[in-house]
Amino acid sequence: MQNKKIAILGTGGTIAGTSQTAADNVAYTAARLGVDEVLGAIPSAFFSVEVITEQIAQVDSKDMGFAVWTALAERVNYFLEREDIDAIVITHGTDTLEETAYFLHAVFQPCKAVVLTCAMRPATALCPDGPQNLLDALTVAQFPGARGVVAVCAGTIHGAAAVQKVHPYRLDAFSSGDSGAIGFVEGGKLRIMRDWPPAISVAASNAIEKIAFWSKSESWPRVEIVMSHVGADGSIVDSLVASGVEGLVIACTGNGTLHCSLEAAIVRAEHSGVRVVLASRCWDGRIVGRSSGLSHGIEGLSPVKARIELLLELILAQ
């Protein structure tokens, strides 16, 4: 546990946010403080790890975009390859944390720990949660055998493939659904409940090169999410196809079921060359046993994570 060196990468978010008064945990401005200021809220006596800090971006995560993802992926790749870096911690907003976590998981599947953490209250709150979350993330990053992309919030360790924000304002805002949490941080120690995410030993350099190319050209594949619901008529799908969409993720009802009018539009989209995958609106479980000719979901992912897989699939197909 001694002499660990950890890279802490800041991207903004509520953990770096400020409000006019300490009692205001809602009407605040995200991404106001630098990562060094966020780290400075933790007394040095609380941790003995050597850290390197770097500000990758300063955004409210609702506004997360491909340019930030590219910059973050490039720096994560850099620090993963450095032998003197044992792990990476990323401070991030909660709104799209699950998407960034899954993006990094899909690209790298790292043997080192890449730990995303966040806050539901701004740094200026009377009782901010960011410092404890960041301290917990550092604890996870130092844990022997920790690997893969995980998220740490309110003392719970979530795997990137399962984590999802499930509450708009409570401190324990994330869940791993029926997959279950990887573990918990309790009194500065870890209680592990299941295996860490799978890892590969070689970074996905080809994906990084493709991502950098698309970012510079400002031409990432266009992939949209469409939801099946009462009265869905498929006109949105037809409009998206006409406007040049390359991929569609359909958030289906139940076990991959679709409104008949929407399904007809999806069939037309597939025939026109648009790549279509299905995901379920249901929080737990995955689509099983579907006999339709339409594509199934990708590894039982949520719609936003299925979109990331489809984005990368289309990038790597270029």
C-alpha atoms as a PDB file:
ATOM      1  CA  MET A   1       0.000   0.000   0.000  1.00  0.00           C
ATOM      2  CA  GLN A   2       3.035   2.276   0.324  1.00  0.00           C
ATOM      3  CA  ASN A   3       4.743   4.280  -2.426  1.00  0.00           C
ATOM      4  CA  LYS A   4       1.793   4.040  -4.772  1.00  0.00           C
ATOM      5  CA  LYS A   5       1.643   6.687  -7.485  1.00  0.00           C
ATOM      6  CA  ILE A   6      -1.792   7.571  -8.793  1.00  0.00           C
ATOM      7  CA  ALA A   7      -2.799   9.927 -11.593  1.00  0.00           C
ATOM      8  CA  ILE A   8      -5.874  12.032 -10.783  1.00  0.00           C
ATOM      9  CA  LEU A   9      -7.567  13.451 -13.877  1.00  0.00           C
ATOM     10  CA  GLY A  10     -10.155  16.204 -13.496  1.00  0.00           C
ATOM     11  CA  THR A  11     -13.073  16.736 -15.870  1.00  0.00           C
ATOM     12  CA  GLY A  12     -15.280  19.058 -13.816  1.00  0.00           C
ATOM     13  CA  GLY A  13     -18.726  18.075 -12.575  1.00  0.00           C
ATOM     14  CA  THR A  14     -20.567  18.766  -9.320  1.00  0.00           C
ATOM     15  CA  ILE A  15     -17.567  17.586  -7.321  1.00  0.00           C
ATOM     16  CA  ALA A  16     -15.886  20.745  -8.638  1.00  0.00           C
ATOM     17  CA  GLY A  17     -19.027  22.875  -8.386  1.00  0.00           C
ATOM     18  CA  THR A  18     -19.822  25.916  -6.238  1.00  0.00           C
ATOM     19  CA  SER A  19     -23.009  27.605  -5.049  1.00  0.00           C
ATOM     20  CA  GLN A  20     -23.799  31.028  -3.564  1.00  0.00           C
ATOM     21  CA  THR A  21     -24.599  29.608  -0.132  1.00  0.00           C
ATOM     22  CA  ALA A  22     -23.574  26.508   1.797  1.00  0.00           C
ATOM     23  CA  ALA A  23     -27.228  25.511   2.158  1.00  0.00           C
ATOM     24  CA  ASP A  24     -27.839  25.392  -1.603  1.00  0.00           C
ATOM     25  CA  ASN A  25     -27.246  21.923  -3.010  1.00  0.00           C
ATOM     26  CA  VAL A  26     -29.373  22.383  -6.129  1.00  0.00           C
ATOM     27  CA  ALA A  27     -28.864  25.814  -7.735  1.00  0.00           C
ATOM     28  CA  TYR A  28     -25.100  25.547  -8.087  1.00  0.00           C
ATOM     29  CA  THR A  29     -22.678  25.860 -10.984  1.00  0.00           C
ATOM     30  CA  ALA A  30     -20.759  22.715 -11.830  1.00  0.00           C
ATOM     31  CA  ALA A  31     -17.091  22.587 -12.856  1.00  0.00           C
ATOM     32  CA  ARG A  32     -15.829  25.735 -11.162  1.00  0.00           C
ATOM     33  CA  LEU A  33     -12.857  24.354  -9.212  1.00  0.00           C
ATOM     34  CA  GLY A  34      -9.696  22.756 -10.558  1.00  0.00           C
ATOM     35  CA  VAL A  35      -8.763  19.209  -9.679  1.00  0.00           C
ATOM     36  CA  ASP A  36      -6.041  20.442  -7.303  1.00  0.00           C
ATOM     37  CA  GLU A  37      -8.637  22.441  -5.374  1.00  0.00           C
ATOM     38  CA  VAL A  38     -10.901  19.411  -5.204  1.00  0.00           C
ATOM     39  CA  LEU A  39      -8.040  17.280  -3.904  1.00  0.00           C
ATOM     40  CA  GLY A  40      -7.084  20.031  -1.455  1.00  0.00           C
ATOM     41  CA  ALA A  41     -10.334  19.474   0.453  1.00  0.00           C
ATOM     42  CA  ILE A  42      -8.874  16.194   1.763  1.00  0.00           C
ATOM     43  CA  PRO A  43      -6.311  16.724   4.557  1.00  0.00           C
ATOM     44  CA  SER A  44      -3.002  15.209   3.516  1.00  0.00           C
ATOM     45  CA  ALA A  45      -2.931  13.167   6.718  1.00  0.00           C
ATOM     46  CA  PHE A  46      -5.851  11.111   5.410  1.00  0.00           C
ATOM     47  CA  PHE A  47      -3.835   9.518   2.608  1.00  0.00           C
ATOM     48  CA  SER A  48      -0.183   8.704   2.008  1.00  0.00           C
ATOM     49  CA  VAL A  49      -0.273   8.061  -1.715  1.00  0.00           C
ATOM     50  CA  GLU A  50       1.815  10.064  -4.175  1.00  0.00           C
ATOM     51  CA  VAL A  51      -0.420  11.686  -6.776  1.00  0.00           C
ATOM     52  CA  ILE A  52      -0.062  13.392 -10.151  1.00  0.00           C
ATOM     53  CA  THR A  53      -2.932  15.701 -11.058  1.00  0.00           C
ATOM     54  CA  GLU A  54      -4.017  16.856 -14.498  1.00  0.00           C
ATOM     55  CA  GLN A  55      -7.001  18.894 -15.658  1.00  0.00           C
ATOM     56  CA  ILE A  56      -8.415  17.221 -18.768  1.00  0.00           C
ATOM     57  CA  ALA A  57     -11.583  19.309 -19.049  1.00  0.00           C
ATOM     58  CA  GLN A  58     -13.829  21.562 -16.999  1.00  0.00           C
ATOM     59  CA  VAL A  59     -17.400  20.697 -17.940  1.00  0.00           C
ATOM     60  CA  ASP A  60     -20.793  19.998 -16.463  1.00  0.00           C
ATOM     61  CA  SER A  61     -21.116  16.332 -17.423  1.00  0.00           C
ATOM     62  CA  LYS A  62     -24.528  16.898 -19.006  1.00  0.00           C
ATOM     63  CA  ASP A  63     -22.491  18.655 -21.704  1.00  0.00           C
ATOM     64  CA  MET A  64     -19.936  15.867 -22.113  1.00  0.00           C
ATOM     65  CA  GLY A  65     -18.879  15.465 -25.725  1.00  0.00           C
ATOM     66  CA  PHE A  66     -16.645  13.467 -28.030  1.00  0.00           C
ATOM     67  CA  ALA A  67     -13.780  15.973 -27.859  1.00  0.00           C
ATOM     68  CA  VAL A  68     -13.476  15.513 -24.092  1.00  0.00           C
ATOM     69  CA  TRP A  69     -13.779  11.741 -24.430  1.00  0.00           C
ATOM     70  CA  THR A  70     -10.946  11.747 -26.936  1.00  0.00           C
ATOM     71  CA  ALA A  71      -8.702  13.884 -24.740  1.00  0.00           C
ATOM     72  CA  LEU A  72      -9.517  11.740 -21.709  1.00  0.00           C
ATOM     73  CA  ALA A  73      -8.895   8.474 -23.576  1.00  0.00           C
ATOM     74  CA  GLU A  74      -5.536   9.724 -24.816  1.00  0.00           C
ATOM     75  CA  ARG A  75      -4.399  10.675 -21.298  1.00  0.00           C
ATOM     76  CA  VAL A  76      -5.750   7.472 -19.773  1.00  0.00           C
ATOM     77  CA  ASN A  77      -3.822   5.545 -22.420  1.00  0.00           C
ATOM     78  CA  TYR A  78      -0.688   7.536 -21.559  1.00  0.00           C
ATOM     79  CA  PHE A  79      -0.924   6.864 -17.824  1.00  0.00           C
ATOM     80  CA  LEU A  80      -1.839   3.199 -18.283  1.00  0.00           C
ATOM     81  CA  GLU A  81       1.384   2.720 -20.210  1.00  0.00           C
ATOM     82  CA  ARG A  82       3.541   4.425 -17.579  1.00  0.00           C
ATOM     83  CA  GLU A  83       5.157   1.834 -15.326  1.00  0.00           C
ATOM     84  CA  ASP A  84       5.377   4.279 -12.426  1.00  0.00           C
ATOM     85  CA  ILE A  85       1.606   4.827 -12.379  1.00  0.00           C
ATOM     86  CA  ASP A  86      -0.307   2.207 -10.429  1.00  0.00           C
ATOM     87  CA  ALA A  87      -3.839   3.465 -11.024  1.00  0.00           C
ATOM     88  CA  ILE A  88      -5.925   6.339 -12.359  1.00  0.00           C
ATOM     89  CA  VAL A  89      -8.683   8.282 -10.616  1.00  0.00           C
ATOM     90  CA  ILE A  90     -11.043  10.484 -12.649  1.00  0.00           C
ATOM     91  CA  THR A  91     -13.301  13.144 -11.139  1.00  0.00           C
ATOM     92  CA  HIS A  92     -16.501  13.418 -13.165  1.00  0.00           C
ATOM     93  CA  GLY A  93     -20.048  14.751 -13.091  1.00  0.00           C
ATOM     94  CA  THR A  94     -22.792  12.292 -12.202  1.00  0.00           C
ATOM     95  CA  ASP A  95     -25.131  12.898 -15.160  1.00  0.00           C
ATOM     96  CA  THR A  96     -23.064  11.013 -17.739  1.00  0.00           C
ATOM     97  CA  LEU A  97     -20.579   9.204 -15.501  1.00  0.00           C
ATOM     98  CA  GLU A  98     -21.979   5.819 -16.518  1.00  0.00           C
ATOM     99  CA  GLU A  99     -21.400   6.633 -20.199  1.00  0.00           C
ATOM    100  CA  THR A 100     -17.813   7.795 -19.738  1.00  0.00           C
ATOM    101  CA  ALA A 101     -17.092   4.796 -17.512  1.00  0.00           C
ATOM    102  CA  TYR A 102     -18.420   2.389 -20.117  1.00  0.00           C
ATOM    103  CA  PHE A 103     -16.618   4.190 -22.950  1.00  0.00           C
ATOM    104  CA  LEU A 104     -13.279   3.758 -21.154  1.00  0.00           C
ATOM    105  CA  HIS A 105     -14.117   0.144 -20.295  1.00  0.00           C
ATOM    106  CA  ALA A 106     -14.994  -0.660 -23.899  1.00  0.00           C
ATOM    107  CA  VAL A 107     -11.813   0.914 -25.257  1.00  0.00           C
ATOM    108  CA  PHE A 108      -9.269  -0.292 -22.686  1.00  0.00           C
ATOM    109  CA  GLN A 109     -10.439  -3.097 -20.351  1.00  0.00           C
ATOM    110  CA  PRO A 110      -7.346  -2.112 -18.320  1.00  0.00           C
ATOM    111  CA  CYS A 111      -5.313  -4.318 -16.019  1.00  0.00           C
ATOM    112  CA  LYS A 112      -4.803  -1.290 -13.777  1.00  0.00           C
ATOM    113  CA  ALA A 113      -7.665   0.303 -11.858  1.00  0.00           C
ATOM    114  CA  VAL A 114      -9.361   3.278 -13.496  1.00  0.00           C
ATOM    115  CA  VAL A 115     -11.674   4.714 -10.847  1.00  0.00           C
ATOM    116  CA  LEU A 116     -14.297   7.347 -11.628  1.00  0.00           C
ATOM    117  CA  THR A 117     -15.747   9.324  -8.740  1.00  0.00           C
ATOM    118  CA  CYS A 118     -18.166  12.170  -8.363  1.00  0.00           C
ATOM    119  CA  ALA A 119     -20.379  14.146  -6.001  1.00  0.00           C
ATOM    120  CA  MET A 120     -24.056  14.935  -5.637  1.00  0.00           C
ATOM    121  CA  ARG A 121     -23.385  18.122  -3.674  1.00  0.00           C
ATOM    122  CA  PRO A 122     -21.126  21.006  -4.708  1.00  0.00           C
ATOM    123  CA  ALA A 123     -17.796  21.600  -3.014  1.00  0.00           C
ATOM    124  CA  THR A 124     -19.247  24.606  -1.169  1.00  0.00           C
ATOM    125  CA  ALA A 125     -22.060  22.608   0.499  1.00  0.00           C
ATOM    126  CA  LEU A 126     -22.340  22.540   4.275  1.00  0.00           C
ATOM    127  CA  CYS A 127     -21.589  18.796   4.113  1.00  0.00           C
ATOM    128  CA  PRO A 128     -20.056  18.080   0.690  1.00  0.00           C
ATOM    129  CA  ASP A 129     -19.787  14.443  -0.354  1.00  0.00           C
ATOM    130  CA  GLY A 130     -17.013  14.960  -2.898  1.00  0.00           C
ATOM    131  CA  PRO A 131     -14.023  14.772  -0.521  1.00  0.00           C
ATOM    132  CA  GLN A 132     -15.156  11.441   0.953  1.00  0.00           C
ATOM    133  CA  ASN A 133     -15.916  10.033  -2.492  1.00  0.00           C
ATOM    134  CA  LEU A 134     -12.492  11.069  -3.758  1.00  0.00           C
ATOM    135  CA  LEU A 135     -10.806   9.591  -0.689  1.00  0.00           C
ATOM    136  CA  ASP A 136     -12.744   6.356  -1.225  1.00  0.00           C
ATOM    137  CA  ALA A 137     -11.685   6.344  -4.890  1.00  0.00           C
ATOM    138  CA  LEU A 138      -8.044   6.684  -3.848  1.00  0.00           C
ATOM    139  CA  THR A 139      -8.541   3.805  -1.410  1.00  0.00           C
ATOM    140  CA  VAL A 140      -9.944   1.628  -4.198  1.00  0.00           C
ATOM    141  CA  ALA A 141      -7.120   2.652  -6.545  1.00  0.00           C
ATOM    142  CA  GLN A 142      -4.538   1.460  -4.006  1.00  0.00           C
ATOM    143  CA  PHE A 143      -6.223  -1.873  -3.302  1.00  0.00           C
ATOM    144  CA  PRO A 144      -4.063  -4.882  -4.292  1.00  0.00           C
ATOM    145  CA  GLY A 145      -5.592  -6.624  -7.282  1.00  0.00           C
ATOM    146  CA  ALA A 146      -7.962  -3.806  -8.208  1.00  0.00           C
ATOM    147  CA  ARG A 147      -8.396  -3.570 -11.967  1.00  0.00           C
ATOM    148  CA  GLY A 148     -10.707  -2.352 -14.679  1.00  0.00           C
ATOM    149  CA  VAL A 149     -12.929   0.681 -14.946  1.00  0.00           C
ATOM    150  CA  VAL A 150     -15.110   1.192 -11.875  1.00  0.00           C
ATOM    151  CA  ALA A 151     -17.129   3.980 -10.302  1.00  0.00           C
ATOM    152  CA  VAL A 152     -17.070   4.838  -6.611  1.00  0.00           C
ATOM    153  CA  CYS A 153     -19.891   6.805  -5.032  1.00  0.00           C
ATOM    154  CA  ALA A 154     -21.259   6.843  -1.476  1.00  0.00           C
ATOM    155  CA  GLY A 155     -18.923   4.049  -0.441  1.00  0.00           C
ATOM    156  CA  THR A 156     -20.048   1.637  -3.167  1.00  0.00           C
ATOM    157  CA  ILE A 157     -17.866   0.250  -5.958  1.00  0.00           C
ATOM    158  CA  HIS A 158     -19.717  -0.275  -9.250  1.00  0.00           C
ATOM    159  CA  GLY A 159     -18.433  -1.940 -12.416  1.00  0.00           C
ATOM    160  CA  ALA A 160     -18.572   0.187 -15.573  1.00  0.00           C
ATOM    161  CA  ALA A 161     -20.866  -2.237 -17.410  1.00  0.00           C
ATOM    162  CA  ALA A 162     -23.515  -2.200 -14.671  1.00  0.00           C
ATOM    163  CA  VAL A 163     -23.433   1.241 -13.079  1.00  0.00           C
ATOM    164  CA  GLN A 164     -26.346   3.594 -13.671  1.00  0.00           C
ATOM    165  CA  LYS A 165     -27.516   6.795 -12.046  1.00  0.00           C
ATOM    166  CA  VAL A 166     -30.913   5.995 -10.537  1.00  0.00           C
ATOM    167  CA  HIS A 167     -31.765   9.054  -8.434  1.00  0.00           C
ATOM    168  CA  PRO A 168     -31.619  12.766  -9.276  1.00  0.00           C
ATOM    169  CA  TYR A 169     -30.410  14.156  -5.940  1.00  0.00           C
ATOM    170  CA  ARG A 170     -29.751  11.704  -3.093  1.00  0.00           C
ATOM    171  CA  LEU A 171     -26.120  11.069  -2.152  1.00  0.00           C
ATOM    172  CA  ASP A 172     -26.304   7.346  -2.953  1.00  0.00           C
ATOM    173  CA  ALA A 173     -27.473   8.002  -6.503  1.00  0.00           C
ATOM    174  CA  PHE A 174     -26.002   4.982  -8.314  1.00  0.00           C
ATOM    175  CA  SER A 175     -26.867   1.307  -8.572  1.00  0.00           C
ATOM    176  CA  SER A 176     -25.491  -1.804 -10.254  1.00  0.00           C
ATOM    177  CA  GLY A 177     -28.934  -3.356 -10.604  1.00  0.00           C
ATOM    178  CA  ASP A 178     -29.168  -7.137 -10.465  1.00  0.00           C
ATOM    179  CA  SER A 179     -25.448  -7.446 -11.256  1.00  0.00           C
ATOM    180  CA  GLY A 180     -24.662  -6.228  -7.754  1.00  0.00           C
ATOM    181  CA  ALA A 181     -21.884  -3.978  -6.531  1.00  0.00           C
ATOM    182  CA  ILE A 182     -18.261  -5.072  -6.762  1.00  0.00           C
ATOM    183  CA  GLY A 183     -17.797  -4.064  -3.151  1.00  0.00           C
ATOM    184  CA  PHE A 184     -17.888  -1.379  -0.520  1.00  0.00           C
ATOM    185  CA  VAL A 185     -15.437   1.023   1.119  1.00  0.00           C
ATOM    186  CA  GLU A 186     -15.915   0.741   4.863  1.00  0.00           C
ATOM    187  CA  GLY A 187     -13.732   2.641   7.312  1.00  0.00           C
ATOM    188  CA  GLY A 188     -10.945   2.974   4.781  1.00  0.00           C
ATOM    189  CA  LYS A 189     -10.984  -0.729   3.906  1.00  0.00           C
ATOM    190  CA  LEU A 190     -12.598  -2.675   1.084  1.00  0.00           C
ATOM    191  CA  ARG A 191     -15.182  -5.439   1.364  1.00  0.00           C
ATOM    192  CA  ILE A 192     -15.221  -7.170  -2.024  1.00  0.00           C
ATOM    193  CA  MET A 193     -18.410  -8.936  -3.119  1.00  0.00           C
ATOM    194  CA  ARG A 194     -17.589 -10.137  -6.637  1.00  0.00           C
ATOM    195  CA  ASP A 195     -14.858 -10.131  -9.275  1.00  0.00           C
ATOM    196  CA  TRP A 196     -13.304  -7.001 -10.703  1.00  0.00           C
ATOM    197  CA  PRO A 197     -14.099  -6.204 -14.379  1.00  0.00           C
ATOM    198  CA  PRO A 198     -12.328  -8.363 -16.996  1.00  0.00           C
ATOM    199  CA  ALA A 199      -9.041  -6.970 -18.253  1.00  0.00           C
ATOM    200  CA  ILE A 200      -6.729  -7.357 -21.227  1.00  0.00           C
ATOM    201  CA  SER A 201      -3.000  -6.670 -21.122  1.00  0.00           C
ATOM    202  CA  VAL A 202      -2.737  -4.655 -24.338  1.00  0.00           C
ATOM    203  CA  ALA A 203      -4.288  -1.182 -24.668  1.00  0.00           C
ATOM    204  CA  ALA A 204      -6.668  -0.713 -27.592  1.00  0.00           C
ATOM    205  CA  SER A 205      -4.297   1.546 -29.540  1.00  0.00           C
ATOM    206  CA  ASN A 206      -6.155   1.022 -32.788  1.00  0.00           C
ATOM    207  CA  ALA A 207      -9.355   2.310 -31.193  1.00  0.00           C
ATOM    208  CA  ILE A 208      -7.487   5.327 -29.778  1.00  0.00           C
ATOM    209  CA  GLU A 209      -6.121   6.178 -33.219  1.00  0.00           C
ATOM    210  CA  LYS A 210      -9.555   5.899 -34.794  1.00  0.00           C
ATOM    211  CA  ILE A 211     -11.165   7.973 -32.050  1.00  0.00           C
ATOM    212  CA  ALA A 212      -8.536  10.682 -32.449  1.00  0.00           C
ATOM    213  CA  PHE A 213      -9.090  10.698 -36.206  1.00  0.00           C
ATOM    214  CA  TRP A 214     -12.845  11.103 -35.917  1.00  0.00           C
ATOM    215  CA  SER A 215     -12.512  13.815 -33.275  1.00  0.00           C
ATOM    216  CA  LYS A 216     -10.162  15.890 -35.422  1.00  0.00           C
ATOM    217  CA  SER A 217     -12.448  15.547 -38.396  1.00  0.00           C
ATOM    218  CA  GLU A 218     -15.494  16.322 -36.213  1.00  0.00           C
ATOM    219  CA  SER A 219     -17.203  13.374 -37.881  1.00  0.00           C
ATOM    220  CA  TRP A 220     -17.899  10.735 -35.271  1.00  0.00           C
ATOM    221  CA  PRO A 221     -20.576   8.327 -36.485  1.00  0.00           C
ATOM    222  CA  ARG A 222     -24.069   9.574 -35.814  1.00  0.00           C
ATOM    223  CA  VAL A 223     -25.874   7.136 -33.528  1.00  0.00           C
ATOM    224  CA  GLU A 224     -29.189   8.042 -31.926  1.00  0.00           C
ATOM    225  CA  ILE A 225     -31.464   6.438 -29.333  1.00  0.00           C
ATOM    226  CA  VAL A 226     -35.174   5.990 -30.050  1.00  0.00           C
ATOM    227  CA  MET A 227     -37.672   4.770 -27.435  1.00  0.00           C
ATOM    228  CA  SER A 228     -40.620   2.492 -28.039  1.00  0.00           C
ATOM    229  CA  HIS A 229     -43.724   3.744 -26.225  1.00  0.00           C
ATOM    230  CA  VAL A 230     -47.489   3.949 -26.461  1.00  0.00           C
ATOM    231  CA  GLY A 231     -48.409   5.435 -29.843  1.00  0.00           C
ATOM    232  CA  ALA A 232     -44.892   5.267 -31.319  1.00  0.00           C
ATOM    233  CA  ASP A 233     -45.408   5.653 -35.081  1.00  0.00           C
ATOM    234  CA  GLY A 234     -41.900   5.346 -36.497  1.00  0.00           C
ATOM    235  CA  SER A 235     -41.786   8.832 -38.020  1.00  0.00           C
ATOM    236  CA  ILE A 236     -38.760   9.734 -35.896  1.00  0.00           C
ATOM    237  CA  VAL A 237     -36.863   6.752 -37.328  1.00  0.00           C
ATOM    238  CA  ASP A 238     -37.792   7.715 -40.883  1.00  0.00           C
ATOM    239  CA  SER A 239     -36.639  11.308 -40.244  1.00  0.00           C
ATOM    240  CA  LEU A 240     -33.348  10.163 -38.742  1.00  0.00           C
ATOM    241  CA  VAL A 241     -32.670   7.867 -41.689  1.00  0.00           C
ATOM    242  CA  ALA A 242     -33.437  10.694 -44.113  1.00  0.00           C
ATOM    243  CA  SER A 243     -31.021  12.963 -42.236  1.00  0.00           C
ATOM    244  CA  GLY A 244     -28.149  10.463 -42.548  1.00  0.00           C
ATOM    245  CA  VAL A 245     -28.060   8.643 -39.225  1.00  0.00           C
ATOM    246  CA  GLU A 246     -25.619   5.705 -39.278  1.00  0.00           C
ATOM    247  CA  GLY A 247     -26.802   3.756 -36.248  1.00  0.00           C
ATOM    248  CA  LEU A 248     -29.895   3.448 -34.081  1.00  0.00           C
ATOM    249  CA  VAL A 249     -30.302   2.041 -30.603  1.00  0.00           C
ATOM    250  CA  ILE A 250     -33.918   1.197 -29.837  1.00  0.00           C
ATOM    251  CA  ALA A 251     -34.960   1.346 -26.179  1.00  0.00           C
ATOM    252  CA  CYS A 252     -37.590  -1.385 -26.309  1.00  0.00           C
ATOM    253  CA  THR A 253     -40.394  -2.198 -23.930  1.00  0.00           C
ATOM    254  CA  GLY A 254     -39.965  -5.371 -21.885  1.00  0.00           C
ATOM    255  CA  ASN A 255     -38.060  -8.230 -23.479  1.00  0.00           C
ATOM    256  CA  GLY A 256     -37.193  -6.381 -26.674  1.00  0.00           C
ATOM    257  CA  THR A 257     -40.786  -5.728 -27.714  1.00  0.00           C
ATOM    258  CA  LEU A 258     -41.661  -2.895 -30.092  1.00  0.00           C
ATOM    259  CA  HIS A 259     -44.743  -0.978 -31.171  1.00  0.00           C
ATOM    260  CA  CYS A 260     -45.724  -2.442 -34.549  1.00  0.00           C
ATOM    261  CA  SER A 261     -45.461   0.912 -36.371  1.00  0.00           C
ATOM    262  CA  LEU A 262     -42.039   1.573 -34.900  1.00  0.00           C
ATOM    263  CA  GLU A 263     -40.860  -1.925 -35.805  1.00  0.00           C
ATOM    264  CA  ALA A 264     -41.890  -1.402 -39.433  1.00  0.00           C
ATOM    265  CA  ALA A 265     -39.819   1.789 -39.549  1.00  0.00           C
ATOM    266  CA  ILE A 266     -36.839  -0.009 -38.016  1.00  0.00           C
ATOM    267  CA  VAL A 267     -37.027  -2.717 -40.668  1.00  0.00           C
ATOM    268  CA  ARG A 268     -36.975   0.005 -43.324  1.00  0.00           C
ATOM    269  CA  ALA A 269     -33.960   1.581 -41.622  1.00  0.00           C
ATOM    270  CA  GLU A 270     -32.049  -1.704 -41.617  1.00  0.00           C
ATOM    271  CA  HIS A 271     -32.834  -2.269 -45.285  1.00  0.00           C
ATOM    272  CA  SER A 272     -31.392   1.174 -46.053  1.00  0.00           C
ATOM    273  CA  GLY A 273     -28.096   0.216 -44.400  1.00  0.00           C
ATOM    274  CA  VAL A 274     -28.551   1.723 -40.930  1.00  0.00           C
ATOM    275  CA  ARG A 275     -27.104  -0.450 -38.149  1.00  0.00           C
ATOM    276  CA  VAL A 276     -29.802  -1.115 -35.553  1.00  0.00           C
ATOM    277  CA  VAL A 277     -29.449  -2.732 -32.116  1.00  0.00           C
ATOM    278  CA  LEU A 278     -32.044  -3.297 -29.417  1.00  0.00           C
ATOM    279  CA  ALA A 279     -31.860  -2.529 -25.719  1.00  0.00           C
ATOM    280  CA  SER A 280     -34.531  -2.727 -23.057  1.00  0.00           C
ATOM    281  CA  ARG A 281     -36.139   0.124 -21.164  1.00  0.00           C
ATOM    282  CA  CYS A 282     -36.131  -2.194 -18.132  1.00  0.00           C
ATOM    283  CA  TRP A 283     -33.481  -1.420 -15.536  1.00  0.00           C
ATOM    284  CA  ASP A 284     -32.687  -5.011 -14.543  1.00  0.00           C
ATOM    285  CA  GLY A 285     -32.059  -8.038 -16.747  1.00  0.00           C
ATOM    286  CA  ARG A 286     -31.424  -8.284 -20.459  1.00  0.00           C
ATOM    287  CA  ILE A 287     -33.236  -9.230 -23.655  1.00  0.00           C
ATOM    288  CA  VAL A 288     -33.431 -13.029 -23.991  1.00  0.00           C
ATOM    289  CA  GLY A 289     -34.993 -15.436 -26.474  1.00  0.00           C
ATOM    290  CA  ARG A 290     -36.177 -12.861 -28.983  1.00  0.00           C
ATOM    291  CA  SER A 291     -37.036 -14.517 -32.316  1.00  0.00           C
ATOM    292  CA  SER A 292     -37.447 -11.361 -34.438  1.00  0.00           C
ATOM    293  CA  GLY A 293     -35.117 -10.822 -37.362  1.00  0.00           C
ATOM    294  CA  LEU A 294     -34.036  -7.521 -35.860  1.00  0.00           C
ATOM    295  CA  SER A 295     -30.670  -7.218 -34.142  1.00  0.00           C
ATOM    296  CA  HIS A 296     -30.461  -8.122 -30.483  1.00  0.00           C
ATOM    297  CA  GLY A 297     -28.975  -5.909 -27.797  1.00  0.00           C
ATOM    298  CA  ILE A 298     -25.234  -5.719 -27.278  1.00  0.00           C
ATOM    299  CA  GLU A 299     -24.331  -7.755 -24.179  1.00  0.00           C
ATOM    300  CA  GLY A 300     -27.526  -6.771 -22.389  1.00  0.00           C
ATOM    301  CA  LEU A 301     -26.434  -3.144 -22.075  1.00  0.00           C
ATOM    302  CA  SER A 302     -28.600  -0.154 -21.251  1.00  0.00           C
ATOM    303  CA  PRO A 303     -29.535   2.033 -24.239  1.00  0.00           C
ATOM    304  CA  VAL A 304     -26.818   4.626 -23.563  1.00  0.00           C
ATOM    305  CA  LYS A 305     -24.126   1.965 -23.215  1.00  0.00           C
ATOM    306  CA  ALA A 306     -25.341   0.052 -26.263  1.00  0.00           C
ATOM    307  CA  ARG A 307     -24.941   3.347 -28.134  1.00  0.00           C
ATOM    308  CA  ILE A 308     -21.288   3.522 -27.081  1.00  0.00           C
ATOM    309  CA  GLU A 309     -20.633  -0.018 -28.326  1.00  0.00           C
ATOM    310  CA  LEU A 310     -22.299   0.808 -31.633  1.00  0.00           C
ATOM    311  CA  LEU A 311     -20.286   4.043 -31.938  1.00  0.00           C
ATOM    312  CA  LEU A 312     -17.028   2.146 -31.478  1.00  0.00           C
ATOM    313  CA  GLU A 313     -18.145  -0.622 -33.824  1.00  0.00           C
ATOM    314  CA  LEU A 314     -18.839   1.920 -36.564  1.00  0.00           C
ATOM    315  CA  ILE A 315     -15.558   3.769 -35.912  1.00  0.00           C
ATOM    316  CA  LEU A 316     -13.493   0.593 -36.141  1.00  0.00           C
ATOM    317  CA  ALA A 317     -15.304  -0.442 -39.319  1.00  0.00           C
ATOM    318  CA  GLN A 318     -14.011   2.616 -41.160  1.00  0.00           C
END
